[in-house]
Amino acid sequence: MEVEIKLRLPDAGAHRRLSSFLAPRLRRTDAQRNLFFDAAARPLAAATAALRVRLYGLDDRAPSRAVLALKRRPRIDAGVSRVEEVEEPLDPAIALACVDDPASLGGVESPIIRLVSEEYGVGGDAAPFVCLGGFRNTRAVYQLEEGDTLGLVVELDETRFDFGTNYELECETAEPEQAKQVLERLLTVAGVPYEYSRSNKFACFMAGKLLP
């Protein structure tokens, strides 16, 4: 179970303000391309599941690494997101081949692909994979100091969909209520407005519009 705090920022100005405030704590910045796979009838989406290939790097044809993930049964309440997640590394060359030929994802030797085949019947000749598309995300990762901030690792996302851009502060944690208080206090000190996220990135992508 992945548990995250998700706080939505209203606009690019708030994102820039928070980015500047957190700059001394920056660890790295990741360029991500996120692509989603399902069968044509979308049985995974109907079961509130998302199969994602994430490619890292600025060059679409030469990613530095790739990760395959299956996320299921998401729920989000008062800015606390909980989702069942399994993920595994994927050879970047194989990931690119699957982007070019989505049906070939069904032939990849992977526990996740076997799970999707067994539980959802997707990936074989009867229901080959198709690529639904996806979105790009720039993620800045920051390490907060020990003490009142619990030494949390927080992620500031700028997510670019075909229909708009979303800004969000996230933090994966085993202590969501404490972590949420830390992030809310940080945003208040930084003078950055926010609200609790009520939907995840995949939901926005599937809806074709920015959701609260």
N, C-alpha and C. Protein backbone atom coordinates (compact mmCIF):
# COMPACT_ATOMS: atom_id res chain seq x y z
N MET A 1 0.84 -1.19 0.00
CA MET A 1 0.00 0.00 0.00
C MET A 1 0.88 1.25 0.00
N GLU A 2 0.76 2.06 -1.02
CA GLU A 2 1.46 3.33 -1.08
C GLU A 2 0.58 4.40 -0.44
N VAL A 3 1.13 5.11 0.53
CA VAL A 3 0.42 6.19 1.21
C VAL A 3 1.16 7.48 0.96
N GLU A 4 0.46 8.46 0.41
CA GLU A 4 1.09 9.74 0.07
C GLU A 4 0.21 10.90 0.51
N ILE A 5 0.86 12.01 0.86
CA ILE A 5 0.18 13.28 1.01
C ILE A 5 0.20 13.95 -0.35
N LYS A 6 -0.95 14.49 -0.77
CA LYS A 6 -1.04 15.18 -2.05
C LYS A 6 -1.72 16.53 -1.84
N LEU A 7 -0.97 17.59 -2.06
CA LEU A 7 -1.49 18.95 -1.89
C LEU A 7 -1.39 19.68 -3.23
N ARG A 8 -2.51 20.20 -3.69
CA ARG A 8 -2.59 20.84 -5.00
C ARG A 8 -2.25 22.33 -4.89
N LEU A 9 -1.40 22.81 -5.80
CA LEU A 9 -1.08 24.23 -5.89
C LEU A 9 -1.91 24.85 -7.00
N PRO A 10 -2.30 26.12 -6.85
CA PRO A 10 -3.28 26.69 -7.79
C PRO A 10 -2.74 27.03 -9.17
N ASP A 11 -1.43 27.37 -9.27
CA ASP A 11 -0.95 27.87 -10.56
C ASP A 11 0.57 27.84 -10.62
N ALA A 12 1.10 28.27 -11.77
CA ALA A 12 2.54 28.26 -11.98
C ALA A 12 3.26 29.20 -11.03
N GLY A 13 2.62 30.30 -10.66
CA GLY A 13 3.25 31.24 -9.73
C GLY A 13 3.48 30.61 -8.36
N ALA A 14 2.50 29.86 -7.88
CA ALA A 14 2.66 29.17 -6.60
C ALA A 14 3.76 28.11 -6.70
N HIS A 15 3.83 27.44 -7.83
CA HIS A 15 4.87 26.43 -8.04
C HIS A 15 6.25 27.08 -8.01
N ARG A 16 6.41 28.22 -8.69
CA ARG A 16 7.69 28.91 -8.71
C ARG A 16 8.08 29.39 -7.31
N ARG A 17 7.11 29.90 -6.57
CA ARG A 17 7.38 30.40 -5.22
C ARG A 17 7.86 29.28 -4.31
N LEU A 18 7.19 28.13 -4.38
CA LEU A 18 7.58 27.01 -3.54
C LEU A 18 8.92 26.43 -3.98
N SER A 19 9.14 26.36 -5.29
CA SER A 19 10.41 25.87 -5.82
C SER A 19 11.57 26.72 -5.32
N SER A 20 11.38 28.04 -5.32
CA SER A 20 12.42 28.94 -4.84
C SER A 20 12.64 28.77 -3.34
N PHE A 21 11.57 28.61 -2.59
CA PHE A 21 11.66 28.45 -1.13
C PHE A 21 12.41 27.17 -0.77
N LEU A 22 12.19 26.11 -1.54
CA LEU A 22 12.79 24.81 -1.23
C LEU A 22 14.15 24.60 -1.88
N ALA A 23 14.60 25.54 -2.71
CA ALA A 23 15.80 25.34 -3.53
C ALA A 23 17.02 24.86 -2.74
N PRO A 24 17.28 25.35 -1.54
CA PRO A 24 18.48 24.87 -0.83
C PRO A 24 18.42 23.38 -0.46
N ARG A 25 17.25 22.79 -0.50
CA ARG A 25 17.09 21.39 -0.10
C ARG A 25 16.95 20.45 -1.29
N LEU A 26 17.17 20.96 -2.50
CA LEU A 26 16.97 20.15 -3.71
C LEU A 26 17.99 19.02 -3.79
N ARG A 27 17.50 17.80 -4.03
CA ARG A 27 18.36 16.63 -4.21
C ARG A 27 18.55 16.29 -5.68
N ARG A 28 17.46 16.35 -6.45
CA ARG A 28 17.56 16.04 -7.87
C ARG A 28 16.25 16.48 -8.55
N THR A 29 16.29 16.52 -9.88
CA THR A 29 15.10 16.78 -10.68
C THR A 29 14.98 15.69 -11.74
N ASP A 30 13.81 15.07 -11.80
CA ASP A 30 13.57 13.97 -12.74
C ASP A 30 12.61 14.42 -13.84
N ALA A 31 12.98 14.14 -15.09
CA ALA A 31 12.06 14.30 -16.21
C ALA A 31 11.40 12.95 -16.46
N GLN A 32 10.09 12.90 -16.38
CA GLN A 32 9.35 11.64 -16.49
C GLN A 32 8.37 11.70 -17.67
N ARG A 33 8.30 10.60 -18.39
CA ARG A 33 7.25 10.40 -19.39
C ARG A 33 6.44 9.20 -18.94
N ASN A 34 5.16 9.39 -18.70
CA ASN A 34 4.29 8.35 -18.16
C ASN A 34 3.30 7.89 -19.22
N LEU A 35 3.30 6.59 -19.53
CA LEU A 35 2.41 6.03 -20.53
C LEU A 35 1.61 4.89 -19.91
N PHE A 36 0.34 4.78 -20.31
CA PHE A 36 -0.57 3.81 -19.70
C PHE A 36 -1.06 2.81 -20.73
N PHE A 37 -1.21 1.57 -20.27
CA PHE A 37 -1.57 0.47 -21.15
C PHE A 37 -2.79 -0.26 -20.61
N ASP A 38 -3.64 -0.70 -21.54
CA ASP A 38 -4.86 -1.43 -21.20
C ASP A 38 -5.26 -2.20 -22.46
N ALA A 39 -6.32 -2.96 -22.40
CA ALA A 39 -6.90 -3.52 -23.62
C ALA A 39 -7.86 -2.50 -24.22
N ALA A 40 -8.30 -2.74 -25.46
CA ALA A 40 -9.15 -1.78 -26.16
C ALA A 40 -10.43 -1.48 -25.38
N ALA A 41 -10.98 -2.49 -24.71
CA ALA A 41 -12.22 -2.30 -23.95
C ALA A 41 -11.98 -1.68 -22.57
N ARG A 42 -10.74 -1.47 -22.23
CA ARG A 42 -10.32 -0.83 -20.98
C ARG A 42 -10.79 -1.55 -19.71
N PRO A 43 -10.56 -2.85 -19.64
CA PRO A 43 -10.96 -3.58 -18.43
C PRO A 43 -10.16 -3.16 -17.19
N LEU A 44 -8.90 -2.77 -17.36
CA LEU A 44 -8.12 -2.31 -16.20
C LEU A 44 -8.73 -1.04 -15.62
N ALA A 45 -8.98 -0.08 -16.48
CA ALA A 45 -9.57 1.18 -16.01
C ALA A 45 -10.92 0.94 -15.35
N ALA A 46 -11.72 0.03 -15.92
CA ALA A 46 -13.03 -0.27 -15.33
C ALA A 46 -12.90 -0.87 -13.94
N ALA A 47 -11.77 -1.52 -13.66
CA ALA A 47 -11.52 -2.12 -12.35
C ALA A 47 -10.68 -1.20 -11.45
N THR A 48 -10.63 0.08 -11.80
CA THR A 48 -9.84 1.09 -11.08
C THR A 48 -8.38 0.65 -10.92
N ALA A 49 -7.83 0.15 -12.03
CA ALA A 49 -6.41 -0.23 -12.07
C ALA A 49 -5.73 0.52 -13.20
N ALA A 50 -4.45 0.80 -13.01
CA ALA A 50 -3.67 1.51 -14.03
C ALA A 50 -2.32 0.82 -14.19
N LEU A 51 -1.99 0.46 -15.42
CA LEU A 51 -0.70 -0.14 -15.74
C LEU A 51 0.14 0.94 -16.43
N ARG A 52 1.25 1.29 -15.80
CA ARG A 52 2.04 2.44 -16.26
C ARG A 52 3.48 2.03 -16.57
N VAL A 53 3.98 2.57 -17.68
CA VAL A 53 5.41 2.53 -17.97
C VAL A 53 5.93 3.95 -17.81
N ARG A 54 6.91 4.12 -16.93
CA ARG A 54 7.50 5.44 -16.70
C ARG A 54 8.93 5.44 -17.25
N LEU A 55 9.20 6.38 -18.13
CA LEU A 55 10.52 6.54 -18.74
C LEU A 55 11.17 7.79 -18.17
N TYR A 56 12.43 7.68 -17.79
CA TYR A 56 13.16 8.79 -17.19
C TYR A 56 14.16 9.36 -18.18
N GLY A 57 14.26 10.70 -18.21
CA GLY A 57 15.25 11.35 -19.06
C GLY A 57 14.62 12.32 -20.04
N LEU A 58 15.44 13.21 -20.58
CA LEU A 58 14.95 14.24 -21.49
C LEU A 58 14.82 13.76 -22.93
N ASP A 59 15.55 12.70 -23.28
CA ASP A 59 15.53 12.17 -24.64
C ASP A 59 14.54 11.01 -24.72
N ASP A 60 13.45 11.20 -25.46
CA ASP A 60 12.41 10.17 -25.54
C ASP A 60 12.94 8.86 -26.10
N ARG A 61 13.96 8.91 -26.96
CA ARG A 61 14.47 7.69 -27.59
C ARG A 61 15.67 7.11 -26.86
N ALA A 62 16.08 7.73 -25.77
CA ALA A 62 17.21 7.19 -25.01
C ALA A 62 17.00 7.44 -23.52
N PRO A 63 15.95 6.82 -22.94
CA PRO A 63 15.70 7.03 -21.52
C PRO A 63 16.82 6.43 -20.66
N SER A 64 17.07 7.06 -19.53
CA SER A 64 18.12 6.56 -18.63
C SER A 64 17.66 5.32 -17.87
N ARG A 65 16.37 5.22 -17.61
CA ARG A 65 15.80 4.04 -16.97
C ARG A 65 14.31 4.02 -17.19
N ALA A 66 13.69 2.88 -16.86
CA ALA A 66 12.24 2.72 -17.01
C ALA A 66 11.71 1.87 -15.86
N VAL A 67 10.47 2.14 -15.48
CA VAL A 67 9.83 1.43 -14.39
C VAL A 67 8.41 1.04 -14.81
N LEU A 68 8.06 -0.21 -14.57
CA LEU A 68 6.71 -0.72 -14.82
C LEU A 68 5.96 -0.77 -13.50
N ALA A 69 4.74 -0.25 -13.47
CA ALA A 69 3.98 -0.22 -12.21
C ALA A 69 2.52 -0.56 -12.47
N LEU A 70 1.92 -1.24 -11.51
CA LEU A 70 0.48 -1.49 -11.50
C LEU A 70 -0.09 -0.87 -10.24
N LYS A 71 -1.03 0.06 -10.43
CA LYS A 71 -1.68 0.71 -9.29
C LYS A 71 -3.15 0.33 -9.31
N ARG A 72 -3.66 -0.01 -8.11
CA ARG A 72 -5.04 -0.50 -8.03
C ARG A 72 -5.76 0.08 -6.83
N ARG A 73 -7.09 0.20 -6.99
CA ARG A 73 -8.01 0.60 -5.91
C ARG A 73 -7.56 1.87 -5.20
N PRO A 74 -7.37 2.95 -5.95
CA PRO A 74 -6.96 4.20 -5.31
C PRO A 74 -8.09 4.84 -4.53
N ARG A 75 -7.72 5.48 -3.45
CA ARG A 75 -8.69 6.30 -2.72
C ARG A 75 -7.94 7.46 -2.11
N ILE A 76 -8.60 8.59 -2.04
CA ILE A 76 -7.98 9.80 -1.53
C ILE A 76 -8.98 10.55 -0.67
N ASP A 77 -8.52 10.95 0.51
CA ASP A 77 -9.40 11.64 1.45
C ASP A 77 -8.59 12.68 2.20
N ALA A 78 -9.06 13.91 2.17
CA ALA A 78 -8.42 15.02 2.88
C ALA A 78 -6.92 15.10 2.59
N GLY A 79 -6.57 14.90 1.32
CA GLY A 79 -5.19 15.03 0.91
C GLY A 79 -4.31 13.82 1.17
N VAL A 80 -4.89 12.74 1.70
CA VAL A 80 -4.14 11.51 1.95
C VAL A 80 -4.56 10.47 0.91
N SER A 81 -3.62 10.05 0.08
CA SER A 81 -3.87 9.09 -0.99
C SER A 81 -3.37 7.72 -0.57
N ARG A 82 -4.20 6.72 -0.81
CA ARG A 82 -3.81 5.33 -0.57
C ARG A 82 -4.11 4.52 -1.82
N VAL A 83 -3.12 3.75 -2.26
CA VAL A 83 -3.30 2.95 -3.47
C VAL A 83 -2.44 1.69 -3.35
N GLU A 84 -2.98 0.57 -3.83
CA GLU A 84 -2.19 -0.66 -3.89
C GLU A 84 -1.25 -0.55 -5.09
N GLU A 85 0.04 -0.74 -4.84
CA GLU A 85 1.02 -0.54 -5.91
C GLU A 85 2.08 -1.62 -5.89
N VAL A 86 2.39 -2.14 -7.07
CA VAL A 86 3.57 -2.98 -7.27
C VAL A 86 4.33 -2.40 -8.44
N GLU A 87 5.66 -2.40 -8.35
CA GLU A 87 6.46 -1.88 -9.45
C GLU A 87 7.76 -2.67 -9.56
N GLU A 88 8.34 -2.57 -10.73
CA GLU A 88 9.60 -3.28 -10.99
C GLU A 88 10.35 -2.54 -12.09
N PRO A 89 11.68 -2.63 -12.08
CA PRO A 89 12.45 -2.00 -13.17
C PRO A 89 12.17 -2.69 -14.49
N LEU A 90 12.25 -1.93 -15.55
CA LEU A 90 12.04 -2.45 -16.90
C LEU A 90 13.21 -1.97 -17.76
N ASP A 91 13.76 -2.88 -18.54
CA ASP A 91 14.86 -2.51 -19.43
C ASP A 91 14.37 -1.38 -20.36
N PRO A 92 15.10 -0.25 -20.42
CA PRO A 92 14.63 0.86 -21.25
C PRO A 92 14.42 0.48 -22.72
N ALA A 93 15.24 -0.41 -23.25
CA ALA A 93 15.07 -0.82 -24.64
C ALA A 93 13.75 -1.58 -24.83
N ILE A 94 13.41 -2.42 -23.85
CA ILE A 94 12.13 -3.13 -23.90
C ILE A 94 10.98 -2.15 -23.75
N ALA A 95 11.13 -1.18 -22.86
CA ALA A 95 10.08 -0.18 -22.68
C ALA A 95 9.82 0.57 -23.98
N LEU A 96 10.87 0.97 -24.68
CA LEU A 96 10.70 1.67 -25.96
C LEU A 96 10.04 0.79 -27.00
N ALA A 97 10.41 -0.49 -27.01
CA ALA A 97 9.79 -1.42 -27.96
C ALA A 97 8.29 -1.54 -27.69
N CYS A 98 7.90 -1.52 -26.42
CA CYS A 98 6.48 -1.63 -26.07
C CYS A 98 5.72 -0.34 -26.40
N VAL A 99 6.40 0.78 -26.34
CA VAL A 99 5.78 2.04 -26.76
C VAL A 99 5.50 1.99 -28.26
N ASP A 100 6.46 1.48 -29.02
CA ASP A 100 6.28 1.38 -30.46
C ASP A 100 5.28 0.30 -30.86
N ASP A 101 5.24 -0.78 -30.08
CA ASP A 101 4.35 -1.91 -30.37
C ASP A 101 3.71 -2.35 -29.05
N PRO A 102 2.63 -1.69 -28.63
CA PRO A 102 2.04 -1.96 -27.30
C PRO A 102 1.68 -3.42 -27.06
N ALA A 103 1.26 -4.15 -28.10
CA ALA A 103 0.88 -5.55 -27.92
C ALA A 103 2.05 -6.39 -27.43
N SER A 104 3.28 -5.95 -27.74
CA SER A 104 4.45 -6.73 -27.33
C SER A 104 4.66 -6.72 -25.82
N LEU A 105 4.00 -5.80 -25.11
CA LEU A 105 4.11 -5.77 -23.66
C LEU A 105 3.60 -7.07 -23.05
N GLY A 106 2.65 -7.71 -23.72
CA GLY A 106 2.12 -8.98 -23.22
C GLY A 106 3.13 -10.10 -23.20
N GLY A 107 4.20 -9.98 -23.98
CA GLY A 107 5.22 -11.01 -24.03
C GLY A 107 6.40 -10.75 -23.13
N VAL A 108 6.37 -9.68 -22.36
CA VAL A 108 7.48 -9.34 -21.47
C VAL A 108 7.45 -10.26 -20.26
N GLU A 109 8.61 -10.81 -19.91
CA GLU A 109 8.71 -11.65 -18.72
C GLU A 109 8.69 -10.76 -17.48
N SER A 110 7.56 -10.78 -16.78
CA SER A 110 7.37 -9.84 -15.67
C SER A 110 6.29 -10.35 -14.74
N PRO A 111 6.52 -10.33 -13.43
CA PRO A 111 5.46 -10.69 -12.48
C PRO A 111 4.22 -9.81 -12.63
N ILE A 112 4.43 -8.53 -12.93
CA ILE A 112 3.28 -7.63 -13.07
C ILE A 112 2.46 -8.00 -14.31
N ILE A 113 3.11 -8.29 -15.41
CA ILE A 113 2.39 -8.66 -16.63
C ILE A 113 1.64 -9.98 -16.42
N ARG A 114 2.25 -10.92 -15.70
CA ARG A 114 1.55 -12.17 -15.39
C ARG A 114 0.32 -11.91 -14.52
N LEU A 115 0.46 -11.02 -13.54
CA LEU A 115 -0.67 -10.68 -12.67
C LEU A 115 -1.81 -10.06 -13.47
N VAL A 116 -1.47 -9.15 -14.37
CA VAL A 116 -2.48 -8.49 -15.19
C VAL A 116 -3.19 -9.51 -16.09
N SER A 117 -2.43 -10.46 -16.63
CA SER A 117 -3.01 -11.50 -17.48
C SER A 117 -3.95 -12.40 -16.68
N GLU A 118 -3.50 -12.83 -15.50
CA GLU A 118 -4.28 -13.77 -14.69
C GLU A 118 -5.52 -13.13 -14.09
N GLU A 119 -5.42 -11.90 -13.62
CA GLU A 119 -6.54 -11.28 -12.91
C GLU A 119 -7.47 -10.48 -13.81
N TYR A 120 -6.95 -9.97 -14.93
CA TYR A 120 -7.77 -9.10 -15.78
C TYR A 120 -7.93 -9.63 -17.21
N GLY A 121 -7.19 -10.69 -17.54
CA GLY A 121 -7.31 -11.25 -18.88
C GLY A 121 -6.76 -10.37 -19.98
N VAL A 122 -5.80 -9.50 -19.64
CA VAL A 122 -5.25 -8.56 -20.61
C VAL A 122 -3.82 -8.97 -20.95
N GLY A 123 -3.49 -8.87 -22.24
CA GLY A 123 -2.12 -9.12 -22.66
C GLY A 123 -1.96 -10.25 -23.64
N GLY A 124 -2.99 -11.07 -23.79
CA GLY A 124 -2.93 -12.17 -24.75
C GLY A 124 -3.53 -11.79 -26.09
N ASP A 125 -3.68 -12.79 -26.97
CA ASP A 125 -4.22 -12.52 -28.30
C ASP A 125 -5.66 -12.01 -28.25
N ALA A 126 -6.43 -12.47 -27.27
CA ALA A 126 -7.84 -12.06 -27.19
C ALA A 126 -8.01 -10.62 -26.73
N ALA A 127 -7.06 -10.13 -25.94
CA ALA A 127 -7.15 -8.76 -25.42
C ALA A 127 -5.74 -8.17 -25.35
N PRO A 128 -5.15 -7.88 -26.50
CA PRO A 128 -3.78 -7.37 -26.50
C PRO A 128 -3.71 -5.96 -25.90
N PHE A 129 -2.53 -5.62 -25.45
CA PHE A 129 -2.35 -4.28 -24.89
C PHE A 129 -2.42 -3.22 -25.99
N VAL A 130 -3.03 -2.09 -25.64
CA VAL A 130 -2.95 -0.88 -26.43
C VAL A 130 -2.41 0.22 -25.52
N CYS A 131 -1.81 1.22 -26.11
CA CYS A 131 -1.32 2.35 -25.32
C CYS A 131 -2.39 3.44 -25.31
N LEU A 132 -2.79 3.86 -24.12
CA LEU A 132 -3.83 4.88 -23.98
C LEU A 132 -3.27 6.29 -24.15
N GLY A 133 -1.94 6.42 -24.14
CA GLY A 133 -1.32 7.73 -24.14
C GLY A 133 -0.78 8.03 -22.74
N GLY A 134 -0.59 9.29 -22.45
CA GLY A 134 -0.07 9.62 -21.13
C GLY A 134 0.23 11.08 -20.98
N PHE A 135 1.20 11.39 -20.12
CA PHE A 135 1.54 12.78 -19.82
C PHE A 135 3.00 12.85 -19.37
N ARG A 136 3.52 14.05 -19.32
CA ARG A 136 4.89 14.29 -18.87
C ARG A 136 4.88 14.98 -17.52
N ASN A 137 5.90 14.67 -16.73
CA ASN A 137 6.00 15.24 -15.40
C ASN A 137 7.44 15.62 -15.10
N THR A 138 7.63 16.82 -14.56
CA THR A 138 8.93 17.21 -14.04
C THR A 138 8.82 17.19 -12.52
N ARG A 139 9.64 16.36 -11.90
CA ARG A 139 9.56 16.16 -10.44
C ARG A 139 10.85 16.63 -9.78
N ALA A 140 10.74 17.61 -8.92
CA ALA A 140 11.86 18.08 -8.11
C ALA A 140 11.76 17.41 -6.74
N VAL A 141 12.84 16.77 -6.31
CA VAL A 141 12.84 16.01 -5.07
C VAL A 141 13.69 16.76 -4.04
N TYR A 142 13.10 16.96 -2.86
CA TYR A 142 13.76 17.73 -1.81
C TYR A 142 13.85 16.90 -0.53
N GLN A 143 14.93 17.09 0.19
CA GLN A 143 15.13 16.46 1.50
C GLN A 143 14.98 17.54 2.56
N LEU A 144 13.92 17.43 3.38
CA LEU A 144 13.74 18.39 4.46
C LEU A 144 14.68 18.06 5.60
N GLU A 145 14.91 19.04 6.44
CA GLU A 145 15.83 18.85 7.55
C GLU A 145 15.17 18.03 8.66
N GLU A 146 16.00 17.39 9.46
CA GLU A 146 15.49 16.66 10.62
C GLU A 146 14.92 17.66 11.63
N GLY A 147 14.14 17.16 12.57
CA GLY A 147 13.54 18.03 13.57
C GLY A 147 12.06 18.16 13.34
N ASP A 148 11.57 19.40 13.29
CA ASP A 148 10.13 19.62 13.14
C ASP A 148 9.60 19.11 11.81
N THR A 149 10.45 18.98 10.79
CA THR A 149 10.00 18.51 9.48
C THR A 149 10.15 17.01 9.31
N LEU A 150 10.61 16.30 10.32
CA LEU A 150 10.72 14.85 10.32
C LEU A 150 11.72 14.31 9.30
N GLY A 151 12.50 15.20 8.68
CA GLY A 151 13.43 14.74 7.66
C GLY A 151 12.75 14.15 6.45
N LEU A 152 11.56 14.64 6.12
CA LEU A 152 10.77 14.08 5.03
C LEU A 152 11.42 14.35 3.67
N VAL A 153 11.18 13.43 2.74
CA VAL A 153 11.50 13.65 1.33
C VAL A 153 10.20 14.05 0.64
N VAL A 154 10.21 15.23 0.02
CA VAL A 154 9.00 15.73 -0.63
C VAL A 154 9.28 15.93 -2.12
N GLU A 155 8.21 15.84 -2.91
CA GLU A 155 8.32 15.92 -4.36
C GLU A 155 7.39 17.01 -4.88
N LEU A 156 7.94 17.90 -5.67
CA LEU A 156 7.16 18.98 -6.27
C LEU A 156 7.00 18.68 -7.76
N ASP A 157 5.76 18.47 -8.17
CA ASP A 157 5.46 18.02 -9.54
C ASP A 157 4.88 19.14 -10.39
N GLU A 158 5.34 19.19 -11.63
CA GLU A 158 4.71 20.00 -12.68
C GLU A 158 4.30 19.01 -13.77
N THR A 159 3.01 18.72 -13.85
CA THR A 159 2.50 17.66 -14.73
C THR A 159 1.82 18.28 -15.94
N ARG A 160 2.32 17.95 -17.12
CA ARG A 160 1.82 18.55 -18.36
C ARG A 160 0.97 17.54 -19.13
N PHE A 161 -0.33 17.80 -19.15
CA PHE A 161 -1.28 17.04 -19.96
C PHE A 161 -1.49 17.77 -21.29
N ASP A 162 -2.14 17.11 -22.23
CA ASP A 162 -2.47 17.77 -23.49
C ASP A 162 -3.45 18.92 -23.27
N PHE A 163 -4.17 18.89 -22.16
CA PHE A 163 -5.24 19.85 -21.92
C PHE A 163 -4.93 20.84 -20.79
N GLY A 164 -3.73 20.82 -20.25
CA GLY A 164 -3.40 21.75 -19.18
C GLY A 164 -2.28 21.23 -18.30
N THR A 165 -1.91 22.04 -17.32
CA THR A 165 -0.80 21.71 -16.43
C THR A 165 -1.25 21.72 -14.99
N ASN A 166 -0.79 20.73 -14.26
CA ASN A 166 -1.17 20.53 -12.86
C ASN A 166 0.08 20.70 -11.98
N TYR A 167 -0.09 21.27 -10.79
CA TYR A 167 1.02 21.48 -9.86
C TYR A 167 0.66 20.86 -8.52
N GLU A 168 1.58 20.08 -7.96
CA GLU A 168 1.24 19.32 -6.76
C GLU A 168 2.49 19.07 -5.92
N LEU A 169 2.31 19.11 -4.61
CA LEU A 169 3.36 18.73 -3.67
C LEU A 169 2.97 17.38 -3.08
N GLU A 170 3.90 16.41 -3.12
CA GLU A 170 3.62 15.05 -2.65
C GLU A 170 4.67 14.61 -1.64
N CYS A 171 4.27 13.65 -0.82
CA CYS A 171 5.21 13.06 0.14
C CYS A 171 4.72 11.67 0.50
N GLU A 172 5.54 10.65 0.20
CA GLU A 172 5.21 9.29 0.61
C GLU A 172 5.62 9.11 2.06
N THR A 173 4.73 8.51 2.87
CA THR A 173 4.98 8.45 4.30
C THR A 173 4.22 7.31 4.95
N ALA A 174 4.75 6.84 6.07
CA ALA A 174 4.04 5.85 6.89
C ALA A 174 3.26 6.54 8.00
N GLU A 175 3.43 7.85 8.13
CA GLU A 175 2.73 8.62 9.17
C GLU A 175 2.01 9.80 8.51
N PRO A 176 0.91 9.54 7.81
CA PRO A 176 0.30 10.57 6.97
C PRO A 176 -0.19 11.80 7.72
N GLU A 177 -0.76 11.64 8.89
CA GLU A 177 -1.30 12.82 9.58
C GLU A 177 -0.17 13.74 10.02
N GLN A 178 0.91 13.17 10.54
CA GLN A 178 2.05 13.99 10.94
C GLN A 178 2.69 14.66 9.73
N ALA A 179 2.87 13.89 8.66
CA ALA A 179 3.49 14.44 7.46
C ALA A 179 2.63 15.55 6.86
N LYS A 180 1.33 15.38 6.88
CA LYS A 180 0.44 16.42 6.33
C LYS A 180 0.58 17.72 7.11
N GLN A 181 0.69 17.61 8.43
CA GLN A 181 0.88 18.80 9.24
C GLN A 181 2.18 19.50 8.89
N VAL A 182 3.25 18.73 8.68
CA VAL A 182 4.54 19.30 8.32
C VAL A 182 4.43 20.05 6.99
N LEU A 183 3.81 19.43 5.98
CA LEU A 183 3.70 20.06 4.67
C LEU A 183 2.81 21.30 4.71
N GLU A 184 1.74 21.23 5.45
CA GLU A 184 0.86 22.40 5.55
C GLU A 184 1.59 23.56 6.24
N ARG A 185 2.36 23.26 7.27
CA ARG A 185 3.13 24.29 7.96
C ARG A 185 4.18 24.88 7.01
N LEU A 186 4.84 24.02 6.24
CA LEU A 186 5.85 24.48 5.29
C LEU A 186 5.23 25.43 4.26
N LEU A 187 4.09 25.06 3.70
CA LEU A 187 3.43 25.90 2.70
C LEU A 187 2.97 27.23 3.28
N THR A 188 2.52 27.21 4.52
CA THR A 188 2.10 28.44 5.18
C THR A 188 3.28 29.38 5.37
N VAL A 189 4.41 28.85 5.84
CA VAL A 189 5.62 29.66 6.03
C VAL A 189 6.10 30.22 4.68
N ALA A 190 6.00 29.42 3.63
CA ALA A 190 6.44 29.85 2.31
C ALA A 190 5.47 30.83 1.66
N GLY A 191 4.28 30.97 2.23
CA GLY A 191 3.28 31.86 1.65
C GLY A 191 2.68 31.33 0.37
N VAL A 192 2.56 30.02 0.30
CA VAL A 192 2.05 29.36 -0.92
C VAL A 192 0.65 28.80 -0.65
N PRO A 193 -0.37 29.24 -1.40
CA PRO A 193 -1.71 28.69 -1.22
C PRO A 193 -1.79 27.25 -1.71
N TYR A 194 -2.73 26.49 -1.16
CA TYR A 194 -2.87 25.09 -1.56
C TYR A 194 -4.26 24.60 -1.19
N GLU A 195 -4.60 23.43 -1.68
CA GLU A 195 -5.80 22.72 -1.24
C GLU A 195 -5.51 21.23 -1.30
N TYR A 196 -6.33 20.45 -0.62
CA TYR A 196 -6.14 19.00 -0.66
C TYR A 196 -6.51 18.48 -2.04
N SER A 197 -5.62 17.68 -2.62
CA SER A 197 -5.95 17.03 -3.89
C SER A 197 -7.12 16.06 -3.67
N ARG A 198 -8.01 16.02 -4.63
CA ARG A 198 -9.16 15.11 -4.55
C ARG A 198 -9.15 14.06 -5.66
N SER A 199 -8.15 14.13 -6.53
CA SER A 199 -8.04 13.16 -7.62
C SER A 199 -6.56 12.99 -7.95
N ASN A 200 -6.22 11.84 -8.55
CA ASN A 200 -4.83 11.60 -8.91
C ASN A 200 -4.58 11.94 -10.38
N LYS A 201 -3.34 11.83 -10.79
CA LYS A 201 -2.96 12.23 -12.15
C LYS A 201 -3.63 11.35 -13.19
N PHE A 202 -3.72 10.04 -12.92
CA PHE A 202 -4.34 9.14 -13.89
C PHE A 202 -5.81 9.48 -14.08
N ALA A 203 -6.50 9.85 -13.01
CA ALA A 203 -7.91 10.23 -13.12
C ALA A 203 -8.05 11.47 -14.01
N CYS A 204 -7.15 12.45 -13.85
CA CYS A 204 -7.18 13.62 -14.71
C CYS A 204 -6.96 13.22 -16.18
N PHE A 205 -5.97 12.37 -16.39
CA PHE A 205 -5.67 11.92 -17.75
C PHE A 205 -6.87 11.24 -18.39
N MET A 206 -7.52 10.34 -17.66
CA MET A 206 -8.66 9.61 -18.20
C MET A 206 -9.86 10.52 -18.42
N ALA A 207 -10.02 11.53 -17.55
CA ALA A 207 -11.15 12.46 -17.70
C ALA A 207 -10.93 13.46 -18.84
N GLY A 208 -9.67 13.65 -19.24
CA GLY A 208 -9.38 14.60 -20.29
C GLY A 208 -9.49 16.05 -19.85
N LYS A 209 -9.37 16.27 -18.54
CA LYS A 209 -9.44 17.64 -18.02
C LYS A 209 -8.81 17.67 -16.64
N LEU A 210 -8.44 18.86 -16.20
CA LEU A 210 -7.87 19.00 -14.86
C LEU A 210 -8.98 18.87 -13.84
N LEU A 211 -8.77 17.98 -12.88
CA LEU A 211 -9.74 17.74 -11.82
C LEU A 211 -9.21 18.34 -10.52
N PRO A 212 -10.10 18.67 -9.56
CA PRO A 212 -9.62 19.19 -8.28
C PRO A 212 -8.83 18.17 -7.49
